[in-house]
Protein backbone atom coordinates (compact mmCIF):
# COMPACT_ATOMS: atom_id res chain seq x y z
CA MET A 1 83.89 79.32 101.46
CA SER A 2 83.00 82.21 103.77
CA ALA A 3 85.39 84.97 104.85
CA SER A 4 85.45 83.52 108.38
CA GLN A 5 86.52 80.13 107.07
CA ARG A 6 89.24 81.67 104.91
CA PHE A 7 90.42 83.63 107.91
CA GLY A 8 90.60 80.43 109.95
CA GLN A 9 92.77 78.82 107.27
CA TYR A 10 94.98 81.90 107.24
CA MET A 11 95.42 81.74 111.01
CA GLU A 12 96.38 78.07 110.82
CA HIS A 13 98.93 78.90 108.10
CA LEU A 14 100.51 81.61 110.29
CA ALA A 15 100.35 79.50 113.46
CA GLU A 16 102.76 76.99 111.94
CA GLY A 17 105.47 79.64 112.27
CA LEU A 18 104.99 80.35 115.99
CA GLY A 19 106.98 77.36 117.18
CA HIS A 20 104.81 76.41 120.19
CA ARG A 21 101.19 75.33 120.06
CA ASP A 22 100.31 77.31 123.18
CA ARG A 23 100.85 80.52 121.19
CA ARG A 24 98.01 79.78 118.77
CA ALA A 25 95.41 81.19 121.15
CA GLY A 26 97.28 84.48 121.34
CA LEU A 27 97.54 84.65 117.55
CA LYS A 28 93.84 83.92 117.05
CA GLY A 29 92.89 86.54 119.60
CA TYR A 30 95.28 89.32 118.59
CA CYS A 31 94.64 89.44 114.82
CA PRO A 32 90.82 89.59 115.08
CA GLY A 33 91.20 92.29 117.73
CA LEU A 34 93.22 94.43 115.32
CA MET A 35 90.52 94.05 112.68
CA LEU A 36 87.69 95.23 114.92
CA PRO A 37 86.44 98.82 114.53
CA LEU A 38 87.90 100.04 117.82
CA ALA A 39 89.07 103.57 118.51
CA ARG A 40 92.18 102.25 120.30
CA LYS A 41 93.78 98.91 119.43
CA SER A 42 96.10 98.37 122.36
CA VAL A 43 96.00 95.10 124.29
CA GLU A 44 93.33 95.88 126.90
CA PRO A 45 90.48 97.18 124.68
CA MET A 46 91.10 94.33 122.22
CA ALA A 47 90.95 91.76 125.03
CA ALA A 48 87.67 93.22 126.28
CA ARG A 49 86.08 92.89 122.85
CA VAL A 50 87.55 89.53 121.85
CA ASP A 51 86.59 87.81 125.12
CA PRO A 52 84.18 90.06 127.07
CA LEU A 53 83.40 87.53 129.80
CA HIS A 54 87.07 86.93 130.62
CA ALA A 55 88.57 90.31 129.75
CA SER A 56 91.18 90.35 132.51
CA ALA A 57 92.51 86.86 131.80
CA ARG A 58 92.54 87.46 128.04
CA HIS A 59 94.34 90.77 128.61
CA GLN A 60 97.14 88.96 130.45
CA SER A 61 97.47 86.24 127.81
CA LEU A 62 97.53 88.70 124.88
CA HIS A 63 100.05 90.90 126.67
CA HIS A 64 102.33 87.90 127.19
CA PHE A 65 101.90 86.86 123.55
CA VAL A 66 102.92 90.25 122.15
CA ALA A 67 105.47 91.42 124.73
CA LYS A 68 107.16 88.28 126.08
CA ALA A 69 106.66 85.23 123.83
CA GLU A 70 109.77 84.29 121.80
CA TRP A 71 108.38 83.81 118.31
CA SER A 72 110.10 85.08 115.16
CA ASP A 73 108.81 88.20 113.42
CA GLU A 74 110.82 87.35 110.28
CA GLU A 75 109.23 83.89 110.04
CA LEU A 76 105.73 85.27 110.47
CA LEU A 77 106.28 87.97 107.82
CA ARG A 78 107.64 85.27 105.54
CA ARG A 79 104.42 83.29 105.98
CA VAL A 80 102.34 86.40 105.34
CA SER A 81 104.16 86.95 102.04
CA HIS A 82 103.79 83.26 101.10
CA TRP A 83 100.01 83.62 101.51
CA VAL A 84 99.55 87.06 99.90
CA VAL A 85 102.12 87.31 97.08
CA PRO A 86 100.86 84.30 95.04
CA LYS A 87 97.43 85.98 94.92
CA MET A 88 98.90 89.21 93.51
CA ASP A 89 98.92 89.56 89.73
CA ARG A 90 102.56 90.11 88.77
CA SER A 91 102.05 89.68 85.03
CA GLY A 92 102.74 93.39 84.58
CA GLY A 93 105.80 93.22 86.79
CA GLY A 94 106.31 94.02 90.45
CA PHE A 95 108.39 96.59 92.30
CA TRP A 96 109.95 97.12 95.72
CA ILE A 97 108.97 100.14 97.79
CA ILE A 98 111.31 101.32 100.55
CA ASP A 99 109.87 103.63 103.17
CA ASP A 100 110.05 104.61 106.84
CA THR A 101 107.20 105.39 109.22
CA GLY A 102 107.32 107.55 112.35
CA PHE A 103 105.37 106.97 115.56
CA PRO A 104 105.11 109.96 117.92
CA LYS A 105 106.13 108.88 121.41
CA LYS A 106 106.53 110.56 124.78
CA GLY A 107 109.39 109.89 127.17
CA THR A 108 112.80 108.36 126.57
CA HIS A 109 112.42 104.69 127.56
CA SER A 110 110.64 103.09 124.58
CA GLY A 111 113.03 101.24 122.28
CA GLY A 112 114.61 103.51 119.67
CA VAL A 113 112.72 106.66 120.69
CA ALA A 114 114.60 109.89 119.99
CA ARG A 115 114.11 113.35 118.63
CA GLN A 116 114.12 112.80 114.86
CA TYR A 117 112.06 113.50 111.77
CA CYS A 118 108.53 112.10 112.02
CA GLY A 119 106.63 111.86 108.73
CA VAL A 120 103.26 111.72 110.50
CA LEU A 121 103.92 115.10 112.11
CA GLY A 122 105.97 116.54 109.24
CA LYS A 123 108.68 117.82 111.57
CA GLN A 124 111.37 116.86 114.07
CA ASP A 125 109.87 115.47 117.27
CA ASN A 126 110.15 112.70 119.83
CA CYS A 127 109.25 109.48 118.00
CA GLN A 128 110.15 105.97 116.92
CA VAL A 129 110.91 105.23 113.25
CA ALA A 130 110.59 101.90 111.46
CA VAL A 131 112.07 101.03 108.03
CA SER A 132 110.03 98.77 105.77
CA VAL A 133 110.32 97.05 102.40
CA SER A 134 107.09 96.26 100.54
CA LEU A 135 106.46 94.15 97.45
CA ALA A 136 103.88 95.82 95.22
CA THR A 137 102.02 95.40 91.92
CA GLU A 138 99.49 97.52 90.12
CA GLN A 139 96.68 96.01 92.21
CA ALA A 140 98.12 95.57 95.70
CA SER A 141 101.13 95.79 98.00
CA VAL A 142 102.19 94.26 101.31
CA PRO A 143 105.18 94.88 103.65
CA VAL A 144 107.54 91.89 103.68
CA ALA A 145 110.29 93.32 105.93
CA TYR A 146 109.89 95.64 108.90
CA ARG A 147 112.39 96.79 111.55
CA LEU A 148 112.73 99.56 114.08
CA TYR A 149 115.50 102.10 113.50
CA LEU A 150 117.99 102.26 116.38
CA PRO A 151 119.56 105.75 116.70
CA LYS A 152 123.26 105.99 117.46
CA GLU A 153 122.70 107.25 121.01
CA TRP A 154 120.69 104.09 121.68
CA ALA A 155 123.16 101.76 119.99
CA GLU A 156 125.98 103.08 122.20
CA ASP A 157 124.07 102.96 125.51
CA PRO A 158 124.17 99.41 127.00
CA ALA A 159 121.91 100.32 129.94
CA ARG A 160 119.10 101.61 127.72
CA ARG A 161 119.49 98.69 125.34
CA LYS A 162 119.18 96.17 128.16
CA LYS A 163 116.16 97.87 129.70
CA ALA A 164 114.30 97.96 126.38
CA GLY A 165 115.38 94.43 125.42
CA VAL A 166 117.32 95.40 122.27
CA PRO A 167 119.06 92.23 120.98
CA ASP A 168 122.86 92.22 121.06
CA GLU A 169 123.09 91.54 117.32
CA VAL A 170 121.27 94.79 116.48
CA LYS A 171 123.94 97.41 115.75
CA PHE A 172 123.68 100.98 114.56
CA ALA A 173 122.91 101.33 110.86
CA THR A 174 121.59 104.23 108.85
CA LYS A 175 118.16 103.89 107.28
CA PRO A 176 119.57 103.30 103.77
CA GLU A 177 121.88 100.63 105.22
CA MET A 178 118.92 98.99 106.97
CA ALA A 179 116.91 98.97 103.75
CA LEU A 180 119.80 97.35 101.88
CA GLN A 181 120.17 94.70 104.59
CA GLN A 182 116.48 93.87 104.29
CA LEU A 183 116.63 93.71 100.49
CA GLU A 184 119.73 91.51 100.53
CA ALA A 185 118.06 89.10 102.95
CA LEU A 186 114.95 88.92 100.74
CA LEU A 187 117.00 88.32 97.60
CA ALA A 188 118.95 85.57 99.37
CA GLU A 189 115.63 83.82 100.01
CA GLY A 190 114.71 83.92 96.31
CA ALA A 191 112.76 87.19 96.07
CA PRO A 192 112.43 88.68 92.55
CA THR A 193 114.80 91.37 91.25
CA CYS A 194 112.23 94.12 90.73
CA CYS A 195 112.64 97.87 90.33
CA VAL A 196 113.23 99.71 93.62
CA LEU A 197 111.28 102.86 94.50
CA ALA A 198 112.32 105.19 97.33
CA ASP A 199 112.03 108.83 98.30
CA ALA A 200 114.81 111.40 98.49
CA GLY A 201 115.75 110.35 102.03
CA TYR A 202 117.28 107.23 100.44
CA GLY A 203 117.93 108.42 96.88
CA VAL A 204 120.43 111.13 97.86
CA ASN A 205 122.70 108.45 99.32
CA GLN A 206 125.20 107.58 96.59
CA SER A 207 126.32 104.36 98.30
CA PHE A 208 122.69 103.23 98.48
CA ARG A 209 122.19 103.74 94.74
CA GLN A 210 125.48 102.06 93.91
CA ARG A 211 124.66 99.01 96.00
CA LEU A 212 121.28 98.62 94.29
CA THR A 213 123.10 98.51 90.96
CA GLU A 214 125.54 95.91 92.29
CA LEU A 215 122.57 93.77 93.40
CA GLY A 216 121.12 93.94 89.89
CA LEU A 217 118.13 96.03 90.99
CA PRO A 218 117.03 98.90 88.73
CA TYR A 219 115.70 101.89 90.63
CA VAL A 220 113.66 105.08 90.43
CA VAL A 221 114.55 107.14 93.50
CA GLY A 222 113.87 110.70 94.53
CA ILE A 223 116.75 113.13 94.99
CA THR A 224 117.15 116.73 96.12
CA SER A 225 117.95 119.70 93.91
CA ALA A 226 121.54 119.82 95.25
CA VAL A 227 122.62 116.47 93.74
CA VAL A 228 125.43 116.99 91.22
CA VAL A 229 125.53 115.25 87.82
CA TRP A 230 127.34 115.45 84.50
CA PRO A 231 124.82 116.94 82.03
CA PRO A 232 124.21 115.48 78.54
CA GLY A 233 127.17 115.92 76.23
CA LEU A 234 129.63 116.77 79.00
CA GLU A 235 131.97 114.32 80.67
CA PRO A 236 135.16 114.59 82.74
CA LEU A 237 138.54 113.95 81.19
CA PRO A 238 140.02 110.45 81.47
CA PRO A 239 142.33 109.72 84.42
CA LYS A 240 145.98 110.72 84.16
CA ARG A 241 148.28 108.42 82.25
CA TYR A 242 149.88 105.76 84.41
CA SER A 243 153.47 106.63 85.23
CA GLY A 244 154.47 103.08 86.11
CA ARG A 245 154.81 103.80 89.83
CA GLY A 246 152.19 103.20 92.51
CA ARG A 247 148.55 102.51 91.77
CA PRO A 248 147.14 103.39 88.35
CA PRO A 249 145.03 106.59 88.44
CA VAL A 250 141.27 105.96 88.21
CA MET A 251 139.73 109.32 89.06
CA PRO A 252 138.28 111.39 86.20
CA ARG A 253 139.74 114.86 85.81
CA ARG A 254 137.94 118.18 85.83
CA THR A 255 138.91 121.52 84.39
CA ASP A 256 137.45 124.98 84.64
CA GLN A 257 135.41 124.28 81.52
CA ARG A 258 134.42 120.72 82.54
CA GLN A 259 132.43 120.84 85.74
CA PRO A 260 129.30 118.94 86.82
CA VAL A 261 126.16 120.89 87.68
CA SER A 262 123.36 120.53 90.19
CA VAL A 263 120.13 119.03 88.87
CA LYS A 264 118.41 122.31 89.72
CA ASP A 265 120.74 124.29 87.42
CA LEU A 266 120.37 121.64 84.74
CA ALA A 267 116.56 121.89 84.91
CA HIS A 268 116.65 125.67 84.58
CA GLY A 269 118.87 125.34 81.54
CA LEU A 270 116.45 123.09 79.62
CA PRO A 271 114.25 124.66 76.93
CA ALA A 272 110.48 124.69 77.41
CA SER A 273 110.13 122.22 74.54
CA ALA A 274 111.91 119.56 76.63
CA PHE A 275 108.89 119.31 78.95
CA GLN A 276 105.75 117.34 78.17
CA LYS A 277 102.43 116.89 79.93
CA ILE A 278 102.15 113.28 81.10
CA SER A 279 99.25 111.50 82.86
CA TRP A 280 100.09 108.53 85.09
CA ARG A 281 96.85 107.27 86.65
CA GLU A 282 93.24 108.00 87.51
CA GLY A 283 92.86 109.77 90.84
CA THR A 284 89.80 109.96 93.08
CA ASN A 285 88.38 113.04 91.38
CA ASP A 286 90.42 113.50 88.21
CA THR A 287 93.24 112.12 86.10
CA LEU A 288 96.63 112.81 87.71
CA SER A 289 99.01 114.54 85.33
CA GLY A 290 102.02 116.85 85.35
CA ARG A 291 104.78 118.44 83.29
CA PHE A 292 107.94 116.36 82.94
CA ALA A 293 111.31 116.21 81.22
CA ALA A 294 113.88 113.40 81.16
CA VAL A 295 117.56 113.58 80.18
CA ARG A 296 120.48 111.16 80.31
CA VAL A 297 123.12 112.14 82.88
CA ARG A 298 126.06 110.60 84.71
CA GLN A 299 126.43 110.49 88.45
CA ALA A 300 129.18 112.94 89.45
CA GLY A 301 129.72 111.77 93.00
CA SER A 302 130.84 114.34 95.55
CA ASN A 303 131.54 117.97 94.82
CA ILE A 304 135.32 117.41 94.86
CA GLY A 305 135.26 114.88 92.03
CA LYS A 306 136.62 111.77 93.74
CA ALA A 307 134.26 109.33 92.02
CA ARG A 308 134.92 107.15 88.98
CA LEU A 309 132.93 107.73 85.82
CA HIS A 310 129.56 106.05 86.28
CA PRO A 311 127.22 104.76 83.56
CA ALA A 312 124.59 107.12 82.19
CA GLN A 313 121.12 107.06 83.78
CA TRP A 314 117.87 108.96 83.62
CA LEU A 315 117.22 112.25 85.37
CA LEU A 316 113.46 112.84 85.57
CA ILE A 317 112.28 116.36 86.38
CA GLU A 318 108.74 117.23 87.45
CA TRP A 319 108.00 120.94 87.00
CA PRO A 320 104.38 122.16 87.21
CA ALA A 321 103.63 124.80 84.59
CA ASN A 322 102.77 127.58 87.04
CA ASP A 323 105.63 126.99 89.50
CA VAL A 324 108.87 128.98 89.49
CA GLU A 325 110.92 125.95 90.58
CA PRO A 326 110.78 122.24 89.73
CA LEU A 327 108.73 120.18 92.17
CA LYS A 328 110.64 116.87 92.24
CA TYR A 329 113.72 115.17 90.81
CA TYR A 330 114.36 111.45 90.27
CA LEU A 331 117.34 109.33 89.21
CA SER A 332 116.63 106.04 87.45
CA THR A 333 118.64 103.16 86.00
CA LEU A 334 115.76 101.91 83.84
CA PRO A 335 116.89 101.04 80.28
CA GLU A 336 117.85 103.83 77.89
CA ASP A 337 114.91 103.06 75.60
CA THR A 338 112.34 103.55 78.40
CA ALA A 339 109.59 105.94 77.31
CA LEU A 340 108.95 109.15 79.26
CA ASN A 341 105.44 108.09 80.29
CA GLU A 342 106.83 104.80 81.66
CA LEU A 343 109.43 106.71 83.71
CA VAL A 344 106.68 108.92 85.13
CA THR A 345 104.44 105.96 85.93
CA GLN A 346 107.22 104.12 87.75
CA ALA A 347 108.22 107.21 89.75
CA HIS A 348 104.65 107.74 90.99
CA ARG A 349 103.99 104.15 92.01
CA ARG A 350 105.22 105.01 95.49
CA TRP A 351 101.73 106.26 96.33
CA ARG A 352 100.79 102.69 97.26
CA ILE A 353 102.98 102.73 100.35
CA GLU A 354 101.20 105.84 101.57
CA ARG A 355 97.86 104.03 101.34
CA ASP A 356 99.34 101.02 103.13
CA ASP A 357 100.63 103.23 105.94
CA GLN A 358 97.27 104.92 106.25
CA ALA A 359 95.41 101.60 106.50
CA LEU A 360 97.91 100.12 108.95
CA GLN A 361 97.93 103.17 111.21
CA GLN A 362 94.28 104.23 111.11
CA GLU A 363 92.47 100.91 110.63
CA LEU A 364 94.76 98.24 112.06
CA GLY A 365 96.35 99.98 115.03
CA LEU A 366 99.98 99.85 113.89
CA GLY A 367 100.93 102.79 116.11
CA HIS A 368 98.75 101.86 119.09
CA TYR A 369 101.22 99.67 120.95
CA GLU A 370 101.73 101.09 124.45
CA GLY A 371 104.68 99.01 125.62
CA ARG A 372 108.34 100.03 125.70
CA GLY A 373 110.08 96.81 124.74
CA TRP A 374 111.83 96.11 121.45
CA ARG A 375 110.22 92.69 121.08
CA GLY A 376 106.72 93.93 121.85
CA PHE A 377 106.93 96.70 119.24
CA HIS A 378 107.97 94.29 116.49
CA HIS A 379 105.44 91.63 117.54
CA HIS A 380 102.61 94.17 117.44
CA ALA A 381 103.73 95.56 114.06
CA THR A 382 104.02 92.04 112.62
CA ARG A 383 100.51 91.20 113.77
CA SER A 384 99.17 94.41 112.19
CA ILE A 385 100.86 93.52 108.90
CA ALA A 386 99.48 89.97 109.13
CA ALA A 387 95.94 91.32 109.56
CA TYR A 388 96.50 93.69 106.65
CA GLY A 389 97.79 90.83 104.49
CA PHE A 390 94.53 88.91 104.91
CA LEU A 391 92.46 91.98 104.02
CA VAL A 392 94.59 92.50 100.89
CA THR A 393 93.80 88.99 99.69
CA GLU A 394 90.09 89.49 100.42
CA ARG A 395 90.05 92.69 98.36
CA LEU A 396 91.90 90.97 95.52
CA ALA A 397 89.45 88.06 95.55
CA ALA A 398 86.48 90.44 95.55
CA GLY A 399 87.99 92.72 92.93
CA LYS A 400 87.44 95.73 95.18
CA ALA A 401 89.73 98.34 96.67
CA THR A 402 87.69 99.01 99.83
CA GLY A 403 84.81 97.66 101.86
CA THR A 404 85.89 94.11 102.72
CA LYS A 405 87.51 94.93 106.04
CA GLN A 406 84.55 96.82 107.48
CA ASN A 407 82.03 94.12 106.58
CA PHE A 408 84.20 91.27 107.84
CA ALA A 409 85.04 93.02 111.12
CA ALA A 410 81.50 94.13 111.89
CA ARG A 411 80.20 90.57 111.93
CA GLN A 412 82.82 89.62 114.50
CA MET A 413 82.22 92.52 116.93
CA PRO A 414 81.05 91.17 120.34
CA ALA A 415 79.31 93.40 122.88
CA LEU A 416 80.94 94.44 126.16
CA PRO A 417 79.42 93.29 129.46
CA ALA A 418 77.32 95.93 131.22
CA ASP A 419 79.69 96.02 134.21
CA TYR A 420 82.93 96.30 132.19
CA LEU A 421 85.21 99.08 133.47
CA PRO A 422 88.50 99.79 131.63
CA ARG A 423 91.67 100.25 133.64
CA GLY A 424 92.35 103.83 134.60
CA SER A 425 88.65 104.78 134.73
CA PRO A 426 87.50 107.03 137.61
CA THR A 427 86.29 105.19 140.68
CA ARG A 428 82.55 104.82 141.06
CA THR A 429 80.32 104.25 144.07
CA ALA A 430 79.36 100.68 144.84
CA THR A 431 75.79 99.73 143.99
CA CYS A 432 73.58 98.44 146.83
CA ALA A 433 69.95 97.44 147.39
CA THR A 434 67.50 99.54 149.45
CA LEU A 435 68.28 99.11 153.16
CA ASP A 436 65.58 98.21 155.73
CA ARG A 437 65.61 100.84 158.45
CA HIS A 438 64.36 100.05 162.00
CA ASP A 439 64.46 102.23 165.10
CA SER A 440 66.76 101.04 167.82
CA LEU A 441 65.14 99.32 170.79
CA PRO A 442 64.72 101.48 173.94
CA ALA A 443 67.08 100.87 176.81
CA GLN A 444 65.55 98.52 179.42
CA CYS A 445 66.70 98.41 183.02
CA SER A 446 65.59 95.77 185.46
CA VAL A 447 63.70 97.28 188.45
CA ASP A 448 64.97 94.67 190.82
CA HIS A 449 68.56 95.34 189.99
CA THR A 450 70.58 96.43 193.00
CA PRO A 451 73.87 98.08 192.10
CA ARG A 452 76.92 96.59 193.70
CA ALA A 453 79.91 98.43 195.07
CA MET A 454 82.96 98.55 192.84
CA SER A 455 85.81 96.43 194.05
CA VAL A 456 88.85 98.38 195.16
CA LEU A 457 92.32 97.11 194.41
CA ARG A 458 94.52 97.07 197.44
CA GLN A 459 97.95 98.55 197.03
CA ALA A 460 100.61 96.03 197.76
CA LYS A 461 103.09 96.94 200.44
CA ARG A 462 106.38 98.09 198.98
CA LYS A 463 109.18 95.93 200.15
CA THR A 464 111.96 98.31 199.07
CA PRO A 465 112.02 102.00 199.83
CA LEU A 466 111.64 104.46 196.99
CA VAL A 467 114.90 106.21 196.43
CA THR A 468 114.94 109.64 194.82
CA GLN A 469 117.78 111.93 193.99
């Protein structure tokens, strides 16, 4: 079976989740457009390439499909995962990757746009941010949940919400809360309880880590150097003895000699022998390796000691040999007998989401949507993920990491008509054939023409006198 035939089957599989048969044409036009090697993958240039002879009509239909049609993003992502995940080899175990992606944006009217941290730019700027959850294995990964983050100023502004089409059920939630909501929904549908990977933007949130444990999900999450833990061999005193009145005390006690420390201070206190050089995978040019140490610690909660005594977990420290400070810190609830090289491998599996983001943004136009509506943004993102899902399965079937997309897309690239002019282009002069030029005929006067006198209008007699003042 050819790639085109497999793609047709994939489109039919996704079309079953659109609800209305009239939407199939939009689906089968939008996904191939995203897979074409275009510099800009917004609606108009895709329409011009997908259907060159009817570019204007196709532009209108694709715009309606992505911005107005009421089909479910969750259902379509569910169908993408049903197609892709069975083809992923999970014999070595899978893992969840939580991440957020920023899209630089001008103005203030696009749904969820605000001045916030944008990972693409590496700084605070005007942008939209989407939170995603991906299911990954050693060979591949695919996003299975994707939602735009709604800042608090948006959530509390009914006029802006209505103009951008933000659904009433969407309330303000922090990014860790959004990620937990997505994970809980996936688990309720029967998703596997795999290890969760996330960066320090999520890992520093104690409630986030605690909820993962309650859901039965082990984790390896990044944290900052300021996180406070109980070091090995040191624990708080038990709670005070119950006096028989009121609620029994549950808070551990601290003294001047029993105080938790920051992970940075703990790392500086470790001997050099605690660190080992560990390699975790083959990179493009060389084997990736680093210097690591792992110790068992207990989460200390806030700096004022109002947390109960938590179970011991791993603190993984990455400290390059020539650096004066550790590079990264991780907390993990993997089993106590987990080897150091396994901890390191799990912590560095997050690199897959970076490759996914790069492919979705640079090759499949994830950030090219030009509309302002909430629905349009999610529809466009879902279609980009759907296109990426098919390419993942093609790479898995071919046993290759790259190359399938370019070859498949190039065979489907139609040429533009010679007279095609994109919207917004400068006006151009109208073309015309060479004009025949003839001198005007000379004026001819008849010699026998006798001019007649001009008739003179007679002034009617005024019946009433003119009165002036």
